[in-house]
Amino acid sequence: MAGTTRSAHADTFARDHLPPPDQWPELRFELPELRYPERLNCAAELLHGPPDGRPVFRTPAGTWTYGELRARVDRIAHVLTGDLGVVPGNRVLLRGPTTPWLAACWLAVLKAGAVAVTVLAQQRPHELSTMCEIARVRHALCDIRAVDDLAKAEIPGLRITTYGGDAPDDLLNRPAPGTAYPALDTAADDVALIAFTSGTTGRPKGCTHFHRDVLAIADTFARHVLKPHAGDLFAGSPPLGFTFGLGGLVIFPMRAGASSLLLEQAGPGQLLPAIAEHRVSVLFTAPTAYRAMLDELDGYDVSCLRRCVSAGENLPAATWRAWHERTGLRLINGIGATELLHIFISAADERIRPGTTGLPVPGWQARVQDENGRPVPDGEPGLLAVRGPVGCRYLADPRQREYVRDGWNVTGDTYVREPDGYFRYVARADDMIISAGYNIAGPEVEDALLRHPDVVEAAVVGRPDEARGQIVVAFAVLKEGAERDPEALRGFVRSELAPFKCPREIVFLDALPRTATGKLQRFKLRARE
């Protein structure tokens, strides 16, 4: 628990703003591989081991070896702690498309003992400003191609350093020693990263994770379910701003001494040709992408694939069976959460049962309970609760009490536990909309709509959609006389939020359905959908 070991952080903001110990979930380290030493730097652990000449990151333009990555990480760490004045514990924002340089920056921040805050290149100034406010971010490393929105955010005190440009003050052009950078002697429970997730109230929540947590997700799901080997080449669609992508494209392959294909554009249309050309063996993407790729499979040789992981949204049994029929591959379904860093229920090979998520990953426990925290009988729906080596610790957020109850992490999903121990997804238990693997908080989209001068009221719900699981539908009430132009309003929202949050459809109403006391009746809007 934080505070039981000596922190290496000079800037103690992250540790000081962890929840009180009595609000933490129970943490369990029952597997021998989870008993980490008190002093641990996860970046040093990930970088250590493989020979210098082994590939680590591939792109369509070339390959980085482990030796090259180590040298580049050390150089960035020297610049961070020298020229840029970053001290241990400072939060460093990382922004850019999925490239080896973004991964190198992430590793350098952690190796230097700072705290990585990786965000999406799609996120807009308003979103960036909120996250920087919550995490008190004062340093940012940003791909030169993604700097505009970050600069527009006008975040007080933020020092932005770009990489990938030609200027002398570019991160990669600054002078730095050519020597190895000694990893900071961080505590295993020093905060290593803050990952932001959408809150159902619309305000993002900062999920803090320790150095030991980064290794724990590799030493549970990857080690016991995925079972990678050094010859594997990983690829996938989730960006590094999502912990699904961070694990699948950086942490898991590096923990196994394997390599990863990093694609800046990784939709279904880009994944299939990349798999065939580069001979990808381990794939991470959402059910939506697997469904989309089914129609194009005949044009590509995907015989190189041996592991396909599906997460981010529920995997329908029909999609599982169609993929298996076409490829012979058994999709590894899984459920994870940003609060818990990665996947905690899954199954592989002969243990897979289509239509279920699977079994608790070794090192994790799960149960289904009622609203009062009492386990419900097998076969009955209830709230999914889990615990293991990683747990939810929101950064200075009262919603900690909602997620952690009596030592269990309550994920917001309704599940059924079958009599033989398999867990089957039923639905989200809250107002979160899950579309093509993205978690979208309806209130956040409503807030963006209400920032338009003509919008008086707004409500957002999810509509079931065969291709994407759900799509975002907005209902808006406008000022009298205002023009009902859905495309103009959609354009406004796109300027305020990441594009994946933008409503697919906007419906104009004269009034929103409300109770006699004025409470919005979202269920009536869902019924319309």
Protein backbone atom coordinates (compact mmCIF):
# COMPACT_ATOMS: atom_id res chain seq x y z
CA MET A 1 0.00 0.00 0.00
CA ALA A 2 1.26 3.50 -0.75
CA GLY A 3 3.19 4.90 2.15
CA THR A 4 4.62 1.54 3.29
CA THR A 5 7.80 2.05 1.24
CA ARG A 6 10.00 5.09 0.69
CA SER A 7 8.87 6.99 -2.39
CA ALA A 8 11.44 8.16 -4.93
CA HIS A 9 9.21 11.08 -5.93
CA ALA A 10 10.28 14.64 -5.16
CA ASP A 11 6.93 15.87 -6.47
CA THR A 12 4.48 13.91 -4.30
CA PHE A 13 1.23 15.23 -5.81
CA ALA A 14 0.11 11.86 -7.23
CA ARG A 15 0.78 9.93 -4.04
CA ASP A 16 -0.72 12.69 -1.89
CA HIS A 17 -3.96 12.55 -3.90
CA LEU A 18 -4.53 8.80 -3.80
CA PRO A 19 -7.75 7.74 -2.06
CA PRO A 20 -7.57 7.16 1.69
CA PRO A 21 -6.36 3.60 2.44
CA ASP A 22 -9.79 2.55 3.74
CA GLN A 23 -11.24 3.26 0.27
CA TRP A 24 -8.78 1.02 -1.56
CA PRO A 25 -9.81 -2.35 -2.92
CA GLU A 26 -8.27 -5.44 -1.39
CA LEU A 27 -5.11 -6.27 -3.36
CA ARG A 28 -4.06 -9.90 -3.79
CA PHE A 29 -0.62 -11.19 -4.75
CA GLU A 30 -1.15 -14.93 -4.47
CA LEU A 31 0.87 -16.00 -7.52
CA PRO A 32 4.64 -16.23 -6.89
CA GLU A 33 5.38 -14.03 -9.91
CA LEU A 34 3.32 -11.20 -8.36
CA ARG A 35 5.53 -10.88 -5.27
CA TYR A 36 7.58 -7.95 -6.50
CA PRO A 37 10.48 -6.37 -4.61
CA GLU A 38 9.87 -3.11 -2.76
CA ARG A 39 12.10 -1.18 -5.18
CA LEU A 40 11.01 -1.56 -8.80
CA ASN A 41 11.13 0.52 -11.99
CA CYS A 42 8.82 -1.07 -14.54
CA ALA A 43 10.46 0.64 -17.55
CA ALA A 44 13.85 -0.75 -16.58
CA GLU A 45 12.28 -4.19 -16.21
CA LEU A 46 10.62 -4.02 -19.64
CA LEU A 47 13.81 -2.80 -21.32
CA HIS A 48 16.09 -5.32 -19.64
CA GLY A 49 16.85 -8.72 -21.09
CA PRO A 50 16.44 -9.19 -24.84
CA PRO A 51 19.64 -8.96 -26.92
CA ASP A 52 20.42 -5.62 -28.54
CA GLY A 53 19.83 -6.90 -32.06
CA ARG A 54 16.35 -8.35 -31.50
CA PRO A 55 13.47 -6.35 -33.11
CA VAL A 56 11.13 -4.57 -30.70
CA PHE A 57 9.09 -2.09 -32.76
CA ARG A 58 8.27 -2.36 -36.44
CA THR A 59 6.55 0.18 -38.64
CA PRO A 60 5.85 0.28 -42.39
CA ALA A 61 8.97 2.49 -42.60
CA GLY A 62 11.44 0.31 -40.69
CA THR A 63 12.40 -1.55 -37.53
CA TRP A 64 13.80 -0.59 -34.12
CA THR A 65 15.87 -3.10 -32.18
CA TYR A 66 15.95 -3.43 -28.41
CA GLY A 67 19.42 -1.90 -28.43
CA GLU A 68 18.23 1.12 -30.41
CA LEU A 69 15.20 1.52 -28.16
CA ARG A 70 17.36 1.44 -25.01
CA ALA A 71 19.68 4.11 -26.40
CA ARG A 72 16.79 6.35 -27.49
CA VAL A 73 14.94 5.96 -24.18
CA ASP A 74 18.11 6.89 -22.28
CA ARG A 75 18.67 9.93 -24.48
CA ILE A 76 15.07 11.17 -23.93
CA ALA A 77 15.39 10.56 -20.18
CA HIS A 78 18.60 12.67 -20.11
CA VAL A 79 16.79 15.52 -21.91
CA LEU A 80 13.75 15.26 -19.63
CA THR A 81 15.72 15.50 -16.40
CA GLY A 82 18.35 17.87 -17.78
CA ASP A 83 17.20 20.50 -20.29
CA LEU A 84 13.51 20.23 -19.41
CA GLY A 85 13.86 20.10 -15.64
CA VAL A 86 11.46 17.21 -15.03
CA VAL A 87 11.79 15.85 -11.49
CA PRO A 88 10.60 12.49 -10.14
CA GLY A 89 6.85 12.52 -9.65
CA ASN A 90 6.12 15.30 -12.16
CA ARG A 91 3.24 14.38 -14.46
CA VAL A 92 4.22 14.36 -18.14
CA LEU A 93 1.50 14.42 -20.79
CA LEU A 94 2.22 12.25 -23.85
CA ARG A 95 0.30 12.89 -27.07
CA GLY A 96 0.65 11.61 -30.60
CA PRO A 97 -0.24 8.84 -33.00
CA THR A 98 0.96 5.31 -32.28
CA THR A 99 4.67 5.33 -33.15
CA PRO A 100 7.89 3.95 -31.67
CA TRP A 101 8.77 7.48 -30.55
CA LEU A 102 5.60 7.74 -28.45
CA ALA A 103 6.42 4.39 -26.85
CA ALA A 104 10.02 5.51 -26.24
CA CYS A 105 8.79 8.71 -24.57
CA TRP A 106 6.49 6.67 -22.31
CA LEU A 107 9.35 4.40 -21.27
CA ALA A 108 11.69 7.35 -20.71
CA VAL A 109 9.19 9.16 -18.49
CA LEU A 110 8.80 6.06 -16.32
CA LYS A 111 12.53 5.28 -16.27
CA ALA A 112 13.20 8.84 -15.04
CA GLY A 113 10.65 8.35 -12.25
CA ALA A 114 8.06 10.79 -13.60
CA VAL A 115 4.37 9.92 -14.10
CA ALA A 116 3.11 9.27 -17.65
CA VAL A 117 -0.27 10.71 -18.66
CA THR A 118 -0.89 9.35 -22.14
CA VAL A 119 -3.86 10.86 -23.98
CA LEU A 120 -5.43 10.35 -27.38
CA ALA A 121 -4.25 12.32 -30.39
CA GLN A 122 -7.96 12.80 -31.19
CA GLN A 123 -8.83 14.63 -27.99
CA ARG A 124 -9.80 18.29 -28.23
CA PRO A 125 -8.60 21.33 -26.25
CA HIS A 126 -11.48 21.24 -23.75
CA GLU A 127 -10.80 17.57 -22.94
CA LEU A 128 -7.04 18.11 -22.69
CA SER A 129 -7.46 21.11 -20.42
CA THR A 130 -9.67 19.15 -18.02
CA MET A 131 -7.24 16.25 -17.74
CA CYS A 132 -4.27 18.57 -17.20
CA GLU A 133 -6.21 20.37 -14.49
CA ILE A 134 -7.07 17.14 -12.67
CA ALA A 135 -3.52 15.72 -12.84
CA ARG A 136 -1.74 19.09 -12.41
CA VAL A 137 0.30 18.49 -15.56
CA ARG A 138 3.11 20.97 -16.26
CA HIS A 139 5.15 19.11 -18.90
CA ALA A 140 4.04 17.63 -22.24
CA LEU A 141 5.83 15.66 -24.96
CA CYS A 142 3.82 15.91 -28.15
CA ASP A 143 4.25 14.67 -31.71
CA ILE A 144 4.72 17.78 -33.87
CA ARG A 145 1.73 16.68 -35.95
CA ALA A 146 -0.60 16.65 -32.93
CA VAL A 147 0.48 19.84 -31.18
CA ASP A 148 -2.17 22.28 -32.46
CA ASP A 149 -5.06 21.25 -30.20
CA LEU A 150 -2.73 20.98 -27.20
CA ALA A 151 -1.45 24.51 -27.81
CA LYS A 152 -5.02 25.80 -28.25
CA ALA A 153 -5.97 24.38 -24.85
CA GLU A 154 -4.01 27.23 -23.23
CA ILE A 155 -3.22 25.19 -20.12
CA PRO A 156 -1.65 27.44 -17.44
CA GLY A 157 2.02 26.66 -16.82
CA LEU A 158 2.21 23.82 -19.35
CA ARG A 159 5.59 23.45 -21.07
CA ILE A 160 5.10 21.70 -24.43
CA THR A 161 8.09 20.00 -26.05
CA THR A 162 7.46 18.59 -29.52
CA TYR A 163 9.16 15.62 -31.13
CA GLY A 164 9.54 14.73 -34.79
CA GLY A 165 10.16 18.30 -35.99
CA ASP A 166 13.16 20.17 -37.36
CA ALA A 167 13.49 22.92 -34.75
CA PRO A 168 16.61 22.98 -32.54
CA ASP A 169 14.44 22.78 -29.42
CA ASP A 170 12.66 19.64 -30.65
CA LEU A 171 12.97 16.83 -28.11
CA LEU A 172 15.00 14.71 -30.53
CA ASN A 173 17.33 17.54 -31.55
CA ARG A 174 18.30 18.74 -28.08
CA PRO A 175 21.85 17.93 -26.92
CA ALA A 176 22.10 15.01 -24.53
CA PRO A 177 24.82 12.75 -23.12
CA GLY A 178 25.42 9.57 -25.08
CA THR A 179 25.67 7.58 -21.87
CA ALA A 180 23.23 5.13 -20.32
CA TYR A 181 20.58 6.65 -18.06
CA PRO A 182 20.39 4.91 -14.68
CA ALA A 183 16.75 4.11 -13.91
CA LEU A 184 15.39 5.95 -10.90
CA ASP A 185 15.13 3.68 -7.87
CA THR A 186 11.35 3.96 -7.63
CA ALA A 187 9.24 2.13 -5.10
CA ALA A 188 7.06 -0.63 -6.50
CA ASP A 189 4.09 1.40 -5.26
CA ASP A 190 5.20 4.74 -6.69
CA VAL A 191 2.66 6.02 -9.22
CA ALA A 192 3.90 5.27 -12.75
CA LEU A 193 0.96 6.41 -14.85
CA ILE A 194 -2.40 8.13 -14.75
CA ALA A 195 -4.90 6.83 -17.30
CA PHE A 196 -8.07 8.81 -17.85
CA THR A 197 -11.41 7.14 -18.38
CA SER A 198 -14.84 8.61 -19.12
CA GLY A 199 -17.04 9.09 -16.09
CA THR A 200 -20.80 8.65 -16.30
CA THR A 201 -21.12 12.19 -14.94
CA GLY A 202 -19.11 13.48 -17.90
CA ARG A 203 -15.99 14.52 -15.96
CA PRO A 204 -13.07 12.14 -16.67
CA LYS A 205 -11.56 10.11 -13.86
CA GLY A 206 -7.80 9.74 -13.46
CA CYS A 207 -6.87 6.13 -12.69
CA THR A 208 -3.50 5.89 -10.94
CA HIS A 209 -1.34 2.81 -11.44
CA PHE A 210 1.92 1.82 -9.79
CA HIS A 211 5.15 0.46 -11.26
CA ARG A 212 4.23 -3.02 -10.03
CA ASP A 213 0.80 -2.77 -11.69
CA VAL A 214 2.39 -2.39 -15.14
CA LEU A 215 4.16 -5.73 -14.70
CA ALA A 216 1.20 -7.41 -12.97
CA ILE A 217 -1.06 -7.22 -16.03
CA ALA A 218 1.67 -8.94 -18.07
CA ASP A 219 2.28 -11.52 -15.35
CA THR A 220 -1.41 -12.44 -15.13
CA PHE A 221 -3.36 -12.13 -18.40
CA ALA A 222 -0.43 -12.19 -20.82
CA ARG A 223 1.53 -14.91 -19.05
CA HIS A 224 -1.32 -17.27 -18.18
CA VAL A 225 -3.90 -16.70 -20.93
CA LEU A 226 -2.19 -15.15 -23.95
CA LYS A 227 1.11 -17.07 -23.46
CA PRO A 228 3.28 -15.08 -25.92
CA HIS A 229 6.79 -16.05 -26.93
CA ALA A 230 9.79 -14.07 -28.11
CA GLY A 231 9.11 -14.79 -31.77
CA ASP A 232 5.66 -13.19 -31.73
CA LEU A 233 4.81 -10.01 -33.61
CA PHE A 234 1.94 -8.10 -31.96
CA ALA A 235 -0.38 -5.61 -33.69
CA GLY A 236 -3.75 -4.04 -33.05
CA SER A 237 -6.09 -1.10 -33.34
CA PRO A 238 -6.19 0.46 -29.84
CA PRO A 239 -3.94 3.52 -29.46
CA LEU A 240 -1.45 3.82 -26.62
CA GLY A 241 -3.72 6.38 -24.94
CA PHE A 242 -5.96 3.41 -24.05
CA THR A 243 -4.61 0.91 -21.56
CA PHE A 244 -5.92 -1.85 -23.87
CA GLY A 245 -3.41 -0.67 -26.47
CA LEU A 246 -0.65 0.12 -23.99
CA GLY A 247 -0.76 -3.45 -22.73
CA GLY A 248 -1.27 -5.18 -26.07
CA LEU A 249 1.28 -3.19 -28.08
CA VAL A 250 4.02 -2.27 -25.58
CA ILE A 251 3.87 -3.99 -22.18
CA PHE A 252 2.96 -7.54 -23.21
CA PRO A 253 5.36 -7.91 -26.15
CA MET A 254 8.27 -6.31 -24.24
CA ARG A 255 7.67 -8.45 -21.15
CA ALA A 256 8.01 -11.51 -23.44
CA GLY A 257 11.00 -10.12 -25.37
CA ALA A 258 8.81 -10.05 -28.49
CA SER A 259 8.10 -7.28 -31.01
CA SER A 260 5.17 -5.10 -32.01
CA LEU A 261 3.98 -3.57 -35.27
CA LEU A 262 2.95 0.03 -34.50
CA LEU A 263 0.49 1.49 -37.00
CA GLU A 264 -0.60 5.12 -37.02
CA GLN A 265 -3.80 4.12 -38.83
CA ALA A 266 -5.14 0.78 -37.61
CA GLY A 267 -8.76 0.44 -38.67
CA PRO A 268 -10.01 -2.81 -40.19
CA GLY A 269 -9.01 -1.58 -43.66
CA GLN A 270 -5.39 -1.12 -42.54
CA LEU A 271 -5.10 -4.15 -40.24
CA LEU A 272 -5.65 -6.92 -42.76
CA PRO A 273 -2.98 -5.84 -45.27
CA ALA A 274 -0.57 -5.16 -42.41
CA ILE A 275 -1.15 -8.61 -40.91
CA ALA A 276 -0.48 -10.25 -44.26
CA GLU A 277 2.57 -8.15 -45.16
CA HIS A 278 4.37 -8.19 -41.82
CA ARG A 279 3.20 -11.67 -40.69
CA VAL A 280 1.56 -10.60 -37.45
CA SER A 281 0.98 -13.45 -35.00
CA VAL A 282 -0.90 -11.75 -32.10
CA LEU A 283 -3.76 -9.35 -32.77
CA PHE A 284 -5.62 -7.00 -30.38
CA THR A 285 -8.81 -5.27 -31.50
CA ALA A 286 -12.52 -4.88 -30.72
CA PRO A 287 -15.41 -7.11 -31.85
CA THR A 288 -16.52 -4.39 -34.26
CA ALA A 289 -13.24 -4.71 -36.16
CA TYR A 290 -13.40 -8.50 -36.30
CA ARG A 291 -16.89 -8.25 -37.79
CA ALA A 292 -15.73 -5.67 -40.33
CA MET A 293 -12.72 -7.77 -41.37
CA LEU A 294 -14.81 -10.88 -42.05
CA ASP A 295 -15.99 -9.57 -45.43
CA GLU A 296 -12.42 -8.82 -46.58
CA LEU A 297 -10.62 -11.93 -45.34
CA ASP A 298 -10.50 -13.67 -48.73
CA GLY A 299 -8.15 -11.04 -50.08
CA TYR A 300 -5.41 -11.57 -47.48
CA ASP A 301 -3.25 -14.37 -46.12
CA VAL A 302 -3.74 -14.29 -42.35
CA SER A 303 -2.37 -17.79 -41.72
CA CYS A 304 0.38 -16.15 -39.64
CA LEU A 305 -2.09 -15.30 -36.86
CA ARG A 306 -2.08 -17.60 -33.85
CA ARG A 307 -3.70 -15.40 -31.16
CA CYS A 308 -6.60 -12.96 -31.61
CA VAL A 309 -7.75 -10.99 -28.56
CA SER A 310 -11.14 -9.26 -28.44
CA ALA A 311 -12.00 -6.68 -25.77
CA GLY A 312 -13.46 -3.21 -25.35
CA GLU A 313 -17.06 -4.34 -25.83
CA ASN A 314 -19.08 -7.54 -25.63
CA LEU A 315 -18.13 -10.22 -28.16
CA PRO A 316 -21.30 -11.80 -29.62
CA ALA A 317 -21.22 -15.57 -30.03
CA ALA A 318 -22.15 -15.14 -33.71
CA THR A 319 -19.02 -13.05 -34.34
CA TRP A 320 -16.87 -15.62 -32.53
CA ARG A 321 -18.27 -18.46 -34.61
CA ALA A 322 -17.98 -16.58 -37.90
CA TRP A 323 -14.30 -15.73 -37.23
CA HIS A 324 -13.57 -19.32 -36.19
CA GLU A 325 -15.30 -20.70 -39.28
CA ARG A 326 -13.34 -18.43 -41.62
CA THR A 327 -9.90 -18.59 -39.97
CA GLY A 328 -9.85 -21.61 -37.71
CA LEU A 329 -8.81 -19.27 -34.88
CA ARG A 330 -10.56 -19.18 -31.52
CA LEU A 331 -11.03 -15.54 -30.47
CA ILE A 332 -9.80 -14.85 -26.94
CA ASN A 333 -12.59 -12.80 -25.40
CA GLY A 334 -11.87 -10.63 -22.38
CA ILE A 335 -13.14 -7.87 -20.16
CA GLY A 336 -10.85 -5.25 -18.72
CA ALA A 337 -11.15 -1.74 -17.32
CA THR A 338 -8.95 1.33 -17.21
CA GLU A 339 -9.43 1.23 -13.42
CA LEU A 340 -7.80 -2.22 -13.38
CA LEU A 341 -5.41 -1.48 -16.25
CA HIS A 342 -6.22 -4.51 -18.43
CA ILE A 343 -8.07 -7.82 -18.80
CA PHE A 344 -9.13 -9.76 -15.68
CA ILE A 345 -11.69 -12.29 -17.04
CA SER A 346 -10.86 -14.30 -20.16
CA ALA A 347 -10.16 -17.78 -21.53
CA ALA A 348 -8.04 -19.27 -24.30
CA ASP A 349 -7.85 -22.40 -26.40
CA GLU A 350 -10.06 -25.29 -25.25
CA ARG A 351 -11.31 -23.31 -22.26
CA ILE A 352 -13.11 -20.82 -24.51
CA ARG A 353 -16.89 -20.98 -24.46
CA PRO A 354 -18.53 -18.78 -27.15
CA GLY A 355 -21.11 -16.40 -25.71
CA THR A 356 -19.26 -16.03 -22.40
CA THR A 357 -16.38 -13.77 -21.41
CA GLY A 358 -14.56 -16.64 -19.71
CA LEU A 359 -13.08 -17.33 -16.29
CA PRO A 360 -11.18 -15.15 -13.82
CA VAL A 361 -7.60 -14.76 -15.06
CA PRO A 362 -5.10 -16.49 -12.72
CA GLY A 363 -4.26 -13.98 -10.00
CA TRP A 364 -7.79 -12.52 -10.07
CA GLN A 365 -11.07 -13.29 -8.33
CA ALA A 366 -14.57 -12.38 -9.55
CA ARG A 367 -18.12 -12.68 -8.32
CA VAL A 368 -21.61 -11.39 -9.13
CA GLN A 369 -23.35 -9.46 -6.36
CA ASP A 370 -26.44 -7.39 -5.67
CA GLU A 371 -26.59 -3.64 -4.95
CA ASN A 372 -25.90 -4.34 -1.27
CA GLY A 373 -22.75 -6.31 -1.98
CA ARG A 374 -24.24 -9.76 -1.35
CA PRO A 375 -23.29 -12.52 -3.83
CA VAL A 376 -26.23 -13.64 -5.96
CA PRO A 377 -26.87 -17.29 -6.88
CA ASP A 378 -25.35 -18.68 -10.07
CA GLY A 379 -27.60 -18.05 -13.05
CA GLU A 380 -28.97 -14.77 -11.69
CA PRO A 381 -27.85 -11.36 -13.01
CA GLY A 382 -26.03 -8.92 -10.78
CA LEU A 383 -23.09 -6.54 -10.64
CA LEU A 384 -19.65 -7.82 -11.59
CA ALA A 385 -17.10 -7.41 -8.79
CA VAL A 386 -13.41 -8.31 -9.09
CA ARG A 387 -10.18 -8.11 -7.11
CA GLY A 388 -6.58 -9.01 -7.76
CA PRO A 389 -3.07 -7.50 -7.87
CA VAL A 390 -4.29 -4.22 -9.43
CA GLY A 391 -7.16 -2.09 -8.16
CA CYS A 392 -9.02 1.15 -8.70
CA ARG A 393 -7.43 4.23 -7.16
CA TYR A 394 -8.96 7.39 -8.61
CA LEU A 395 -6.93 10.57 -8.34
CA ALA A 396 -8.71 12.80 -5.81
CA ASP A 397 -12.19 11.75 -6.93
CA PRO A 398 -15.20 11.06 -4.66
CA ARG A 399 -16.43 8.45 -7.17
CA GLN A 400 -13.86 6.10 -5.60
CA ARG A 401 -16.57 5.06 -3.13
CA GLU A 402 -18.87 4.04 -5.99
CA TYR A 403 -16.30 1.84 -7.73
CA VAL A 404 -14.74 0.18 -4.69
CA ARG A 405 -17.16 -1.42 -2.25
CA ASP A 406 -16.11 -3.65 0.64
CA GLY A 407 -12.74 -4.31 -0.95
CA TRP A 408 -14.12 -5.25 -4.39
CA ASN A 409 -13.90 -3.31 -7.65
CA VAL A 410 -17.46 -3.00 -8.98
CA THR A 411 -17.07 -2.43 -12.71
CA GLY A 412 -20.52 -1.16 -13.72
CA ASP A 413 -21.29 -4.29 -15.77
CA THR A 414 -24.21 -6.64 -15.23
CA TYR A 415 -23.09 -10.28 -15.44
CA VAL A 416 -24.30 -13.80 -14.78
CA ARG A 417 -22.02 -16.45 -13.32
CA GLU A 418 -22.87 -19.85 -14.75
CA PRO A 419 -22.89 -22.89 -12.42
CA ASP A 420 -19.56 -24.09 -13.85
CA GLY A 421 -17.84 -20.77 -13.11
CA TYR A 422 -18.01 -19.04 -16.51
CA PHE A 423 -18.99 -15.37 -16.57
CA ARG A 424 -21.52 -14.14 -19.13
CA TYR A 425 -22.03 -10.46 -19.99
CA VAL A 426 -25.58 -9.07 -19.81
CA ALA A 427 -25.37 -5.27 -20.11
CA ARG A 428 -23.85 -2.11 -18.70
CA ALA A 429 -25.42 -1.25 -15.36
CA ASP A 430 -24.86 2.50 -15.80
CA ASP A 431 -25.32 5.14 -18.50
CA MET A 432 -22.04 4.40 -20.29
CA ILE A 433 -22.39 3.97 -24.06
CA ILE A 434 -19.98 1.46 -25.60
CA SER A 435 -19.52 2.00 -29.34
CA ALA A 436 -16.94 0.10 -31.40
CA GLY A 437 -14.90 -0.50 -28.24
CA TYR A 438 -14.95 3.13 -27.08
CA ASN A 439 -16.49 4.08 -23.73
CA ILE A 440 -18.57 7.23 -24.19
CA ALA A 441 -20.22 9.06 -21.30
CA GLY A 442 -23.57 10.50 -22.37
CA PRO A 443 -23.31 13.46 -19.95
CA GLU A 444 -19.98 14.51 -21.46
CA VAL A 445 -21.59 14.72 -24.91
CA GLU A 446 -24.57 16.55 -23.38
CA ASP A 447 -22.21 19.10 -21.83
CA ALA A 448 -20.62 19.71 -25.22
CA LEU A 449 -24.01 20.20 -26.87
CA LEU A 450 -25.05 22.64 -24.15
CA ARG A 451 -22.02 24.78 -24.90
CA HIS A 452 -23.66 25.64 -28.24
CA PRO A 453 -25.47 28.97 -27.85
CA ASP A 454 -28.71 27.69 -29.44
CA VAL A 455 -29.08 24.52 -27.32
CA VAL A 456 -31.36 24.81 -24.30
CA GLU A 457 -31.54 21.15 -23.27
CA ALA A 458 -29.76 18.00 -24.40
CA ALA A 459 -29.87 14.29 -23.64
CA VAL A 460 -27.72 11.51 -25.08
CA VAL A 461 -28.40 7.76 -25.15
CA GLY A 462 -27.07 4.70 -26.93
CA ARG A 463 -28.94 3.02 -29.75
CA PRO A 464 -28.31 -0.69 -30.39
CA ASP A 465 -26.36 -1.14 -33.61
CA GLU A 466 -25.40 -4.42 -35.25
CA ALA A 467 -22.04 -3.19 -36.54
CA ARG A 468 -20.83 -1.06 -33.61
CA GLY A 469 -22.72 -2.47 -30.62
CA GLN A 470 -24.22 0.95 -29.90
CA ILE A 471 -24.20 4.36 -31.54
CA VAL A 472 -24.57 7.74 -29.88
CA VAL A 473 -27.91 9.48 -30.43
CA ALA A 474 -28.54 12.99 -29.11
CA PHE A 475 -31.86 14.70 -28.38
CA ALA A 476 -31.75 18.50 -28.35
CA VAL A 477 -34.16 21.31 -27.51
CA LEU A 478 -33.22 24.60 -29.19
CA LYS A 479 -33.98 28.23 -28.45
CA GLU A 480 -37.12 29.50 -30.08
CA GLY A 481 -36.46 30.44 -33.69
CA ALA A 482 -33.09 28.64 -33.92
CA GLU A 483 -32.51 26.60 -37.08
CA ARG A 484 -32.70 22.82 -36.63
CA ASP A 485 -29.51 21.92 -38.50
CA PRO A 486 -28.16 18.56 -37.26
CA GLU A 487 -24.97 18.71 -39.35
CA ALA A 488 -24.03 22.12 -38.00
CA LEU A 489 -24.57 20.89 -34.45
CA ARG A 490 -22.57 17.72 -35.12
CA GLY A 491 -19.76 19.88 -36.46
CA PHE A 492 -19.80 21.93 -33.27
CA VAL A 493 -19.54 18.79 -31.11
CA ARG A 494 -16.63 17.52 -33.24
CA SER A 495 -14.81 20.75 -32.43
CA GLU A 496 -15.34 20.14 -28.71
CA LEU A 497 -14.82 16.36 -28.32
CA ALA A 498 -12.89 13.50 -29.87
CA PRO A 499 -14.69 12.40 -33.07
CA PHE A 500 -15.70 8.98 -31.72
CA LYS A 501 -17.90 10.73 -29.11
CA CYS A 502 -19.84 12.72 -31.70
CA PRO A 503 -23.53 11.74 -32.08
CA ARG A 504 -24.28 9.70 -35.16
CA GLU A 505 -27.77 11.20 -35.13
CA ILE A 506 -29.32 14.31 -33.58
CA VAL A 507 -33.08 14.41 -32.95
CA PHE A 508 -34.74 17.75 -32.24
CA LEU A 509 -37.59 17.82 -29.71
CA ASP A 510 -39.81 20.55 -28.31
CA ALA A 511 -39.13 19.24 -24.79
CA LEU A 512 -37.29 16.37 -23.10
CA PRO A 513 -39.30 13.84 -21.08
CA ARG A 514 -39.02 14.59 -17.37
CA THR A 515 -40.62 13.50 -14.09
CA ALA A 516 -42.85 15.80 -12.09
CA THR A 517 -39.78 16.81 -10.08
CA GLY A 518 -37.85 17.64 -13.26
CA LYS A 519 -35.60 14.57 -13.47
CA LEU A 520 -34.71 13.56 -17.01
CA GLN A 521 -36.30 10.25 -18.07
CA ARG A 522 -33.59 8.72 -20.25
CA PHE A 523 -35.44 5.41 -20.31
CA LYS A 524 -38.17 7.02 -22.43
CA LEU A 525 -35.56 8.21 -24.92
CA ARG A 526 -34.03 4.72 -24.98
CA ALA A 527 -37.48 3.28 -25.62
CA ARG A 528 -37.79 5.54 -28.68
CA GLU A 529 -34.53 4.07 -29.92
